[in-house]
Amino acid sequence: MARSQTFSLSDGLALISGAVMVVVFVMRAHHSGYISSIAAGVILPIRITVAFSVVALLVRGVDFSGAVAGSAIAFVLAAHDLRMFWVLLLVFALTLATTRMGRSRKRQIHAAEASRGRSASQVMANLGLAGLLVALAPAGWQLLALAALAEAAADTCSSEVGTAFPGRTVLLTSGKPVNPGIDGGVSLHGTAAAVAAAVLVALLARVSGLVSTHVALTVVYAGVLGMLLDSLLGALLERQGYLNNDLVNLLGTAGAVGIAWGLG
């Protein structure tokens, strides 16, 4: 995960992407009649979004730019299907909890998140594709968006837990031991946390009636495989400086979406 602490061009582009996402969703929803009255249809989602953003800022899960980007995604999910917002909230809770684990150790090895929280570019890299899929609502959007969310949760939990709890960490491409926190490194603790996170995302979607059991299982598969793809890209490209962490995260979620589409 990137450790950026200042507003950057990538954050600006992320905020523009979030604004475009909201506009696309509102126009599509109004045109299709999903939201017959824009003023009446967005009051509750706006209230939920504001509350979510304020809480995220207060607990320092995100910085100000991250809160704005996250609010765009939260609004789209809450306005389209409130159950999707609950899944997003779960992903945020898992991310926050695992990020706080072993913080002193992470500081020692320079793997701790910035104290201000995640920026707009980090938020959009991890969650933007899920928001876009909900905004566009193609056939099977529930499966695809949930796969992206499951991968985001799995990837974050894997890296944060794997770094917080020392254990044998190996490079995915070679199997050679590496220090925890190295791009492309995988460990038993981290992988178990990734699987658990994907299962929790899928379970909430199933219990809430958002998807069937078959689709929920596909979400787990896609989320975990997408996380492994993220690690592979980290080992092959991020360590060499060809891609930054945000692009690797985005490609990881895209990979999970592609896997879910293929399995679905």
C-alpha atoms as a PDB file:
ATOM      1  CA  MET A   1       0.000   0.000   0.000  1.00  0.00           C
ATOM      2  CA  ALA A   2       1.210   3.465  -0.856  1.00  0.00           C
ATOM      3  CA  ARG A   3       2.250   5.804   1.956  1.00  0.00           C
ATOM      4  CA  SER A   4       1.580   9.164   0.313  1.00  0.00           C
ATOM      5  CA  GLN A   5       1.027  11.996   2.803  1.00  0.00           C
ATOM      6  CA  THR A   6       0.486  14.992   0.526  1.00  0.00           C
ATOM      7  CA  PHE A   7      -2.132  15.871  -2.039  1.00  0.00           C
ATOM      8  CA  SER A   8      -0.907  14.822  -5.466  1.00  0.00           C
ATOM      9  CA  LEU A   9      -1.971  14.864  -9.103  1.00  0.00           C
ATOM     10  CA  SER A  10      -3.202  11.293  -8.685  1.00  0.00           C
ATOM     11  CA  ASP A  11      -5.443  12.431  -5.842  1.00  0.00           C
ATOM     12  CA  GLY A  12      -6.869  15.161  -8.066  1.00  0.00           C
ATOM     13  CA  LEU A  13      -7.572  12.678 -10.847  1.00  0.00           C
ATOM     14  CA  ALA A  14      -9.176  10.346  -8.318  1.00  0.00           C
ATOM     15  CA  LEU A  15     -11.514  13.108  -7.127  1.00  0.00           C
ATOM     16  CA  ILE A  16     -12.468  13.939 -10.718  1.00  0.00           C
ATOM     17  CA  SER A  17     -13.170  10.245 -11.334  1.00  0.00           C
ATOM     18  CA  GLY A  18     -15.391  10.142  -8.264  1.00  0.00           C
ATOM     19  CA  ALA A  19     -17.359  13.175  -9.435  1.00  0.00           C
ATOM     20  CA  VAL A  20     -17.817  11.645 -12.896  1.00  0.00           C
ATOM     21  CA  MET A  21     -18.983   8.404 -11.296  1.00  0.00           C
ATOM     22  CA  VAL A  22     -21.688  10.208  -9.336  1.00  0.00           C
ATOM     23  CA  VAL A  23     -22.865  12.147 -12.412  1.00  0.00           C
ATOM     24  CA  VAL A  24     -23.032   8.958 -14.486  1.00  0.00           C
ATOM     25  CA  PHE A  25     -24.999   7.179 -11.792  1.00  0.00           C
ATOM     26  CA  VAL A  26     -27.512   9.992 -11.278  1.00  0.00           C
ATOM     27  CA  MET A  27     -28.064  10.413 -15.026  1.00  0.00           C
ATOM     28  CA  ARG A  28     -28.504   6.671 -15.585  1.00  0.00           C
ATOM     29  CA  ALA A  29     -30.751   6.253 -12.554  1.00  0.00           C
ATOM     30  CA  HIS A  30     -32.941   9.198 -13.523  1.00  0.00           C
ATOM     31  CA  HIS A  31     -33.163   8.134 -17.163  1.00  0.00           C
ATOM     32  CA  SER A  32     -34.100   4.562 -16.258  1.00  0.00           C
ATOM     33  CA  GLY A  33     -36.648   5.698 -13.704  1.00  0.00           C
ATOM     34  CA  TYR A  34     -34.752   4.039 -10.880  1.00  0.00           C
ATOM     35  CA  ILE A  35     -34.759   7.392  -9.156  1.00  0.00           C
ATOM     36  CA  SER A  36     -37.948   9.057 -10.392  1.00  0.00           C
ATOM     37  CA  SER A  37     -37.363  12.143  -8.310  1.00  0.00           C
ATOM     38  CA  ILE A  38     -33.721  13.055  -7.846  1.00  0.00           C
ATOM     39  CA  ALA A  39     -34.447  15.372  -4.918  1.00  0.00           C
ATOM     40  CA  ALA A  40     -36.506  12.765  -3.062  1.00  0.00           C
ATOM     41  CA  GLY A  41     -34.411   9.770  -4.048  1.00  0.00           C
ATOM     42  CA  VAL A  42     -31.042  10.935  -2.767  1.00  0.00           C
ATOM     43  CA  ILE A  43     -31.881  12.421   0.629  1.00  0.00           C
ATOM     44  CA  LEU A  44     -31.220   9.232   2.609  1.00  0.00           C
ATOM     45  CA  PRO A  45     -28.090   8.261   0.624  1.00  0.00           C
ATOM     46  CA  ILE A  46     -26.680  11.763   1.122  1.00  0.00           C
ATOM     47  CA  ARG A  47     -27.268  11.573   4.883  1.00  0.00           C
ATOM     48  CA  ILE A  48     -25.612   8.149   5.010  1.00  0.00           C
ATOM     49  CA  THR A  49     -22.709   9.372   2.905  1.00  0.00           C
ATOM     50  CA  VAL A  50     -22.092  12.437   5.069  1.00  0.00           C
ATOM     51  CA  ALA A  51     -22.199  10.376   8.261  1.00  0.00           C
ATOM     52  CA  PHE A  52     -19.860   7.778   6.787  1.00  0.00           C
ATOM     53  CA  SER A  53     -17.366  10.388   5.600  1.00  0.00           C
ATOM     54  CA  VAL A  54     -17.332  12.240   8.919  1.00  0.00           C
ATOM     55  CA  VAL A  55     -16.759   9.028  10.888  1.00  0.00           C
ATOM     56  CA  ALA A  56     -14.016   7.925   8.471  1.00  0.00           C
ATOM     57  CA  LEU A  57     -12.269  11.257   8.985  1.00  0.00           C
ATOM     58  CA  LEU A  58     -12.647  11.219  12.761  1.00  0.00           C
ATOM     59  CA  VAL A  59     -11.109   7.757  13.088  1.00  0.00           C
ATOM     60  CA  ARG A  60      -8.392   8.765  10.590  1.00  0.00           C
ATOM     61  CA  GLY A  61      -9.199   5.959   8.213  1.00  0.00           C
ATOM     62  CA  VAL A  62      -8.866   8.515   5.394  1.00  0.00           C
ATOM     63  CA  ASP A  63      -7.564  12.035   4.947  1.00  0.00           C
ATOM     64  CA  PHE A  64      -9.798  14.812   3.585  1.00  0.00           C
ATOM     65  CA  SER A  65      -9.271  13.898  -0.063  1.00  0.00           C
ATOM     66  CA  GLY A  66      -9.894  10.241   0.777  1.00  0.00           C
ATOM     67  CA  ALA A  67     -13.125  11.158   2.549  1.00  0.00           C
ATOM     68  CA  VAL A  68     -14.359  13.050  -0.512  1.00  0.00           C
ATOM     69  CA  ALA A  69     -13.478  10.186  -2.857  1.00  0.00           C
ATOM     70  CA  GLY A  70     -15.008   7.670  -0.473  1.00  0.00           C
ATOM     71  CA  SER A  71     -18.181   9.716  -0.211  1.00  0.00           C
ATOM     72  CA  ALA A  72     -18.690   9.463  -3.982  1.00  0.00           C
ATOM     73  CA  ILE A  73     -18.463   5.674  -3.827  1.00  0.00           C
ATOM     74  CA  ALA A  74     -20.589   5.454  -0.685  1.00  0.00           C
ATOM     75  CA  PHE A  75     -23.297   7.620  -2.250  1.00  0.00           C
ATOM     76  CA  VAL A  76     -23.518   5.507  -5.398  1.00  0.00           C
ATOM     77  CA  LEU A  77     -23.708   2.262  -3.452  1.00  0.00           C
ATOM     78  CA  ALA A  78     -26.218   3.558  -0.886  1.00  0.00           C
ATOM     79  CA  ALA A  79     -28.439   5.142  -3.535  1.00  0.00           C
ATOM     80  CA  HIS A  80     -28.501   2.054  -5.743  1.00  0.00           C
ATOM     81  CA  ASP A  81     -28.842  -0.650  -3.091  1.00  0.00           C
ATOM     82  CA  LEU A  82     -28.376   0.027   0.609  1.00  0.00           C
ATOM     83  CA  ARG A  83     -27.112  -3.518   1.091  1.00  0.00           C
ATOM     84  CA  MET A  84     -24.090  -2.680  -1.037  1.00  0.00           C
ATOM     85  CA  PHE A  85     -23.305   0.172   1.309  1.00  0.00           C
ATOM     86  CA  TRP A  86     -23.311  -2.216   4.277  1.00  0.00           C
ATOM     87  CA  VAL A  87     -20.746  -4.323   2.426  1.00  0.00           C
ATOM     88  CA  LEU A  88     -18.651  -1.193   1.831  1.00  0.00           C
ATOM     89  CA  LEU A  89     -18.907  -0.384   5.538  1.00  0.00           C
ATOM     90  CA  LEU A  90     -17.665  -3.881   6.373  1.00  0.00           C
ATOM     91  CA  VAL A  91     -14.701  -3.451   4.021  1.00  0.00           C
ATOM     92  CA  PHE A  92     -13.871  -0.144   5.695  1.00  0.00           C
ATOM     93  CA  ALA A  93     -14.112  -1.701   9.165  1.00  0.00           C
ATOM     94  CA  LEU A  94     -11.835  -4.594   8.178  1.00  0.00           C
ATOM     95  CA  THR A  95      -9.352  -2.198   6.616  1.00  0.00           C
ATOM     96  CA  LEU A  96      -9.308   0.065   9.658  1.00  0.00           C
ATOM     97  CA  ALA A  97      -9.000  -2.788  12.147  1.00  0.00           C
ATOM     98  CA  THR A  98      -6.153  -4.571  10.368  1.00  0.00           C
ATOM     99  CA  THR A  99      -4.319  -1.319   9.660  1.00  0.00           C
ATOM    100  CA  ARG A 100      -4.232  -0.603  13.402  1.00  0.00           C
ATOM    101  CA  MET A 101      -2.871  -4.074  14.223  1.00  0.00           C
ATOM    102  CA  GLY A 102       0.775  -4.150  15.243  1.00  0.00           C
ATOM    103  CA  ARG A 103       1.229  -0.478  14.496  1.00  0.00           C
ATOM    104  CA  SER A 104       4.446  -0.126  16.495  1.00  0.00           C
ATOM    105  CA  ARG A 105       6.006  -3.010  14.597  1.00  0.00           C
ATOM    106  CA  LYS A 106       4.888  -1.566  11.264  1.00  0.00           C
ATOM    107  CA  ARG A 107       6.511   1.745  12.164  1.00  0.00           C
ATOM    108  CA  GLN A 108       9.774  -0.026  12.920  1.00  0.00           C
ATOM    109  CA  ILE A 109       9.896  -1.592   9.461  1.00  0.00           C
ATOM    110  CA  HIS A 110       8.467   1.528   7.773  1.00  0.00           C
ATOM    111  CA  ALA A 111       5.289  -0.253   6.677  1.00  0.00           C
ATOM    112  CA  ALA A 112       2.714   1.766   8.610  1.00  0.00           C
ATOM    113  CA  GLU A 113      -0.004   3.739   6.877  1.00  0.00           C
ATOM    114  CA  ALA A 114       0.193   7.522   7.086  1.00  0.00           C
ATOM    115  CA  SER A 115      -1.386   8.716  10.339  1.00  0.00           C
ATOM    116  CA  ARG A 116      -3.736  10.936   8.321  1.00  0.00           C
ATOM    117  CA  GLY A 117      -5.282   7.901   6.638  1.00  0.00           C
ATOM    118  CA  ARG A 118      -5.662   6.840   3.025  1.00  0.00           C
ATOM    119  CA  SER A 119      -5.762   9.450   0.278  1.00  0.00           C
ATOM    120  CA  ALA A 120      -8.191   9.844  -2.618  1.00  0.00           C
ATOM    121  CA  SER A 121      -5.945   7.938  -5.025  1.00  0.00           C
ATOM    122  CA  GLN A 122      -5.688   5.003  -2.611  1.00  0.00           C
ATOM    123  CA  VAL A 123      -9.433   4.946  -2.021  1.00  0.00           C
ATOM    124  CA  MET A 124     -10.276   5.036  -5.724  1.00  0.00           C
ATOM    125  CA  ALA A 125      -7.598   2.471  -6.595  1.00  0.00           C
ATOM    126  CA  ASN A 126      -9.137  -0.002  -4.155  1.00  0.00           C
ATOM    127  CA  LEU A 127     -12.850   0.819  -4.341  1.00  0.00           C
ATOM    128  CA  GLY A 128     -13.396   2.897  -7.464  1.00  0.00           C
ATOM    129  CA  LEU A 129     -14.047  -0.028  -9.788  1.00  0.00           C
ATOM    130  CA  ALA A 130     -16.754  -1.373  -7.478  1.00  0.00           C
ATOM    131  CA  GLY A 131     -18.392   2.062  -7.437  1.00  0.00           C
ATOM    132  CA  LEU A 132     -18.224   2.332 -11.225  1.00  0.00           C
ATOM    133  CA  LEU A 133     -19.799  -1.095 -11.696  1.00  0.00           C
ATOM    134  CA  VAL A 134     -22.672  -0.151  -9.406  1.00  0.00           C
ATOM    135  CA  ALA A 135     -23.071   3.185 -11.179  1.00  0.00           C
ATOM    136  CA  LEU A 136     -23.257   1.539 -14.619  1.00  0.00           C
ATOM    137  CA  ALA A 137     -25.145  -1.536 -13.360  1.00  0.00           C
ATOM    138  CA  PRO A 138     -24.326  -3.967 -16.199  1.00  0.00           C
ATOM    139  CA  ALA A 139     -25.743  -7.492 -16.166  1.00  0.00           C
ATOM    140  CA  GLY A 140     -24.487  -9.310 -13.087  1.00  0.00           C
ATOM    141  CA  TRP A 141     -23.226  -6.115 -11.486  1.00  0.00           C
ATOM    142  CA  GLN A 142     -23.732  -7.498  -7.977  1.00  0.00           C
ATOM    143  CA  LEU A 143     -21.241 -10.310  -8.537  1.00  0.00           C
ATOM    144  CA  LEU A 144     -18.709  -8.065 -10.239  1.00  0.00           C
ATOM    145  CA  ALA A 145     -18.876  -5.231  -7.696  1.00  0.00           C
ATOM    146  CA  LEU A 146     -18.739  -7.640  -4.751  1.00  0.00           C
ATOM    147  CA  ALA A 147     -15.709  -9.376  -6.267  1.00  0.00           C
ATOM    148  CA  ALA A 148     -13.925  -6.020  -6.436  1.00  0.00           C
ATOM    149  CA  LEU A 149     -14.834  -5.259  -2.812  1.00  0.00           C
ATOM    150  CA  ALA A 150     -13.797  -8.739  -1.666  1.00  0.00           C
ATOM    151  CA  GLU A 151     -10.415  -8.353  -3.375  1.00  0.00           C
ATOM    152  CA  ALA A 152      -9.869  -4.928  -1.814  1.00  0.00           C
ATOM    153  CA  ALA A 153     -10.647  -6.323   1.640  1.00  0.00           C
ATOM    154  CA  ALA A 154      -8.564  -9.458   1.081  1.00  0.00           C
ATOM    155  CA  ASP A 155      -5.549  -7.545  -0.224  1.00  0.00           C
ATOM    156  CA  THR A 156      -5.522  -5.032   2.623  1.00  0.00           C
ATOM    157  CA  CYS A 157      -6.073  -7.634   5.337  1.00  0.00           C
ATOM    158  CA  SER A 158      -3.387  -9.855   3.823  1.00  0.00           C
ATOM    159  CA  SER A 159      -0.709  -7.169   3.798  1.00  0.00           C
ATOM    160  CA  GLU A 160      -1.638  -5.580   7.128  1.00  0.00           C
ATOM    161  CA  VAL A 161      -1.989  -8.823   9.114  1.00  0.00           C
ATOM    162  CA  GLY A 162       1.036 -10.364   7.425  1.00  0.00           C
ATOM    163  CA  THR A 163       3.101  -7.354   8.451  1.00  0.00           C
ATOM    164  CA  ALA A 164       1.689  -7.116  11.975  1.00  0.00           C
ATOM    165  CA  PHE A 165       2.305 -10.761  12.896  1.00  0.00           C
ATOM    166  CA  PRO A 166       5.827 -11.973  12.118  1.00  0.00           C
ATOM    167  CA  GLY A 167       6.029 -15.263  10.284  1.00  0.00           C
ATOM    168  CA  ARG A 168       7.653 -16.888   7.302  1.00  0.00           C
ATOM    169  CA  THR A 169       7.136 -14.597   4.319  1.00  0.00           C
ATOM    170  CA  VAL A 170       8.145 -15.666   0.832  1.00  0.00           C
ATOM    171  CA  LEU A 171       8.190 -13.992  -2.551  1.00  0.00           C
ATOM    172  CA  LEU A 172       5.255 -15.307  -4.572  1.00  0.00           C
ATOM    173  CA  THR A 173       7.272 -15.660  -7.775  1.00  0.00           C
ATOM    174  CA  SER A 174      10.264 -17.529  -6.347  1.00  0.00           C
ATOM    175  CA  GLY A 175       9.340 -18.880  -2.931  1.00  0.00           C
ATOM    176  CA  LYS A 176      12.449 -17.255  -1.449  1.00  0.00           C
ATOM    177  CA  PRO A 177      12.150 -15.783   2.060  1.00  0.00           C
ATOM    178  CA  VAL A 178      11.723 -12.002   2.199  1.00  0.00           C
ATOM    179  CA  ASN A 179      11.000  -9.473   4.919  1.00  0.00           C
ATOM    180  CA  PRO A 180       7.326  -8.833   5.791  1.00  0.00           C
ATOM    181  CA  GLY A 181       5.907  -5.865   3.906  1.00  0.00           C
ATOM    182  CA  ILE A 182       7.934  -6.520   0.741  1.00  0.00           C
ATOM    183  CA  ASP A 183       5.936  -6.140  -2.484  1.00  0.00           C
ATOM    184  CA  GLY A 184       4.901  -9.596  -3.675  1.00  0.00           C
ATOM    185  CA  GLY A 185       5.569 -11.257  -0.324  1.00  0.00           C
ATOM    186  CA  VAL A 186       3.002 -13.731   1.029  1.00  0.00           C
ATOM    187  CA  SER A 187       2.689 -15.415   4.415  1.00  0.00           C
ATOM    188  CA  LEU A 188       0.408 -17.931   6.106  1.00  0.00           C
ATOM    189  CA  HIS A 189      -1.049 -15.324   8.469  1.00  0.00           C
ATOM    190  CA  GLY A 190      -1.631 -12.846   5.669  1.00  0.00           C
ATOM    191  CA  THR A 191      -3.199 -15.388   3.328  1.00  0.00           C
ATOM    192  CA  ALA A 192      -5.509 -16.677   6.066  1.00  0.00           C
ATOM    193  CA  ALA A 193      -6.587 -13.097   6.786  1.00  0.00           C
ATOM    194  CA  ALA A 194      -7.263 -12.538   3.081  1.00  0.00           C
ATOM    195  CA  VAL A 195      -9.476 -15.608   2.850  1.00  0.00           C
ATOM    196  CA  ALA A 196     -11.337 -14.616   6.019  1.00  0.00           C
ATOM    197  CA  ALA A 197     -11.936 -11.089   4.693  1.00  0.00           C
ATOM    198  CA  ALA A 198     -13.287 -12.365   1.366  1.00  0.00           C
ATOM    199  CA  VAL A 199     -15.537 -14.829   3.187  1.00  0.00           C
ATOM    200  CA  LEU A 200     -16.927 -12.096   5.436  1.00  0.00           C
ATOM    201  CA  VAL A 201     -17.722  -9.868   2.453  1.00  0.00           C
ATOM    202  CA  ALA A 202     -19.460 -12.722   0.644  1.00  0.00           C
ATOM    203  CA  LEU A 203     -21.273 -13.845   3.803  1.00  0.00           C
ATOM    204  CA  LEU A 204     -22.735 -10.409   4.431  1.00  0.00           C
ATOM    205  CA  ALA A 205     -23.881 -10.202   0.818  1.00  0.00           C
ATOM    206  CA  ARG A 206     -25.519 -13.625   1.128  1.00  0.00           C
ATOM    207  CA  VAL A 207     -27.158 -13.014   4.516  1.00  0.00           C
ATOM    208  CA  SER A 208     -28.550  -9.683   3.339  1.00  0.00           C
ATOM    209  CA  GLY A 209     -30.134 -11.393   0.335  1.00  0.00           C
ATOM    210  CA  LEU A 210     -28.030  -9.497  -2.157  1.00  0.00           C
ATOM    211  CA  VAL A 211     -26.740 -12.658  -3.865  1.00  0.00           C
ATOM    212  CA  SER A 212     -27.274 -16.415  -3.870  1.00  0.00           C
ATOM    213  CA  THR A 213     -24.971 -18.938  -2.210  1.00  0.00           C
ATOM    214  CA  HIS A 214     -23.407 -19.822  -5.556  1.00  0.00           C
ATOM    215  CA  VAL A 215     -22.648 -16.196  -6.309  1.00  0.00           C
ATOM    216  CA  ALA A 216     -21.272 -15.668  -2.784  1.00  0.00           C
ATOM    217  CA  LEU A 217     -18.841 -18.558  -3.270  1.00  0.00           C
ATOM    218  CA  THR A 218     -17.755 -17.079  -6.591  1.00  0.00           C
ATOM    219  CA  VAL A 219     -17.112 -13.774  -4.809  1.00  0.00           C
ATOM    220  CA  VAL A 220     -14.767 -15.554  -2.385  1.00  0.00           C
ATOM    221  CA  TYR A 221     -12.858 -17.284  -5.183  1.00  0.00           C
ATOM    222  CA  ALA A 222     -12.536 -14.109  -7.210  1.00  0.00           C
ATOM    223  CA  GLY A 223     -11.523 -12.008  -4.212  1.00  0.00           C
ATOM    224  CA  VAL A 224      -8.751 -14.373  -3.105  1.00  0.00           C
ATOM    225  CA  LEU A 225      -7.459 -14.989  -6.638  1.00  0.00           C
ATOM    226  CA  GLY A 226      -7.491 -11.246  -7.279  1.00  0.00           C
ATOM    227  CA  MET A 227      -5.442 -10.739  -4.124  1.00  0.00           C
ATOM    228  CA  LEU A 228      -2.885 -13.273  -5.365  1.00  0.00           C
ATOM    229  CA  LEU A 229      -2.773 -11.479  -8.708  1.00  0.00           C
ATOM    230  CA  ASP A 230      -2.102  -8.251  -6.830  1.00  0.00           C
ATOM    231  CA  SER A 231       0.827  -9.929  -5.049  1.00  0.00           C
ATOM    232  CA  LEU A 232       2.127 -11.300  -8.340  1.00  0.00           C
ATOM    233  CA  LEU A 233       2.034  -7.851  -9.925  1.00  0.00           C
ATOM    234  CA  GLY A 234       3.744  -6.464  -6.846  1.00  0.00           C
ATOM    235  CA  ALA A 235       6.565  -8.973  -7.208  1.00  0.00           C
ATOM    236  CA  LEU A 236       6.977  -8.618 -10.973  1.00  0.00           C
ATOM    237  CA  LEU A 237       6.266  -4.960 -11.622  1.00  0.00           C
ATOM    238  CA  GLU A 238       5.983  -2.867  -8.462  1.00  0.00           C
ATOM    239  CA  ARG A 239       9.298  -4.013  -7.005  1.00  0.00           C
ATOM    240  CA  GLN A 240      10.954  -3.082 -10.291  1.00  0.00           C
ATOM    241  CA  GLY A 241       9.376   0.370 -10.312  1.00  0.00           C
ATOM    242  CA  TYR A 242       7.245  -0.230 -13.405  1.00  0.00           C
ATOM    243  CA  LEU A 243       3.952   0.309 -11.546  1.00  0.00           C
ATOM    244  CA  ASN A 244       3.093   2.144  -8.343  1.00  0.00           C
ATOM    245  CA  ASN A 245       0.974   0.672  -5.580  1.00  0.00           C
ATOM    246  CA  ASP A 246      -2.236   2.385  -6.664  1.00  0.00           C
ATOM    247  CA  LEU A 247      -2.029   0.914 -10.157  1.00  0.00           C
ATOM    248  CA  VAL A 248      -1.262  -2.531  -8.753  1.00  0.00           C
ATOM    249  CA  ASN A 249      -4.301  -2.284  -6.458  1.00  0.00           C
ATOM    250  CA  LEU A 250      -6.494  -1.164  -9.339  1.00  0.00           C
ATOM    251  CA  LEU A 251      -5.304  -4.040 -11.523  1.00  0.00           C
ATOM    252  CA  GLY A 252      -5.880  -6.437  -8.636  1.00  0.00           C
ATOM    253  CA  THR A 253      -9.519  -5.413  -8.307  1.00  0.00           C
ATOM    254  CA  ALA A 254      -9.880  -5.506 -12.107  1.00  0.00           C
ATOM    255  CA  GLY A 255      -8.454  -9.017 -12.086  1.00  0.00           C
ATOM    256  CA  ALA A 256     -10.976 -10.091  -9.457  1.00  0.00           C
ATOM    257  CA  VAL A 257     -13.792  -8.640 -11.571  1.00  0.00           C
ATOM    258  CA  GLY A 258     -12.516 -10.502 -14.643  1.00  0.00           C
ATOM    259  CA  ILE A 259     -12.249 -13.761 -12.700  1.00  0.00           C
ATOM    260  CA  ALA A 260     -15.768 -13.332 -11.301  1.00  0.00           C
ATOM    261  CA  TRP A 261     -17.112 -12.627 -14.792  1.00  0.00           C
ATOM    262  CA  GLY A 262     -15.428 -15.766 -16.108  1.00  0.00           C
ATOM    263  CA  LEU A 263     -16.633 -17.944 -13.249  1.00  0.00           C
ATOM    264  CA  GLY A 264     -20.118 -16.435 -13.320  1.00  0.00           C
END
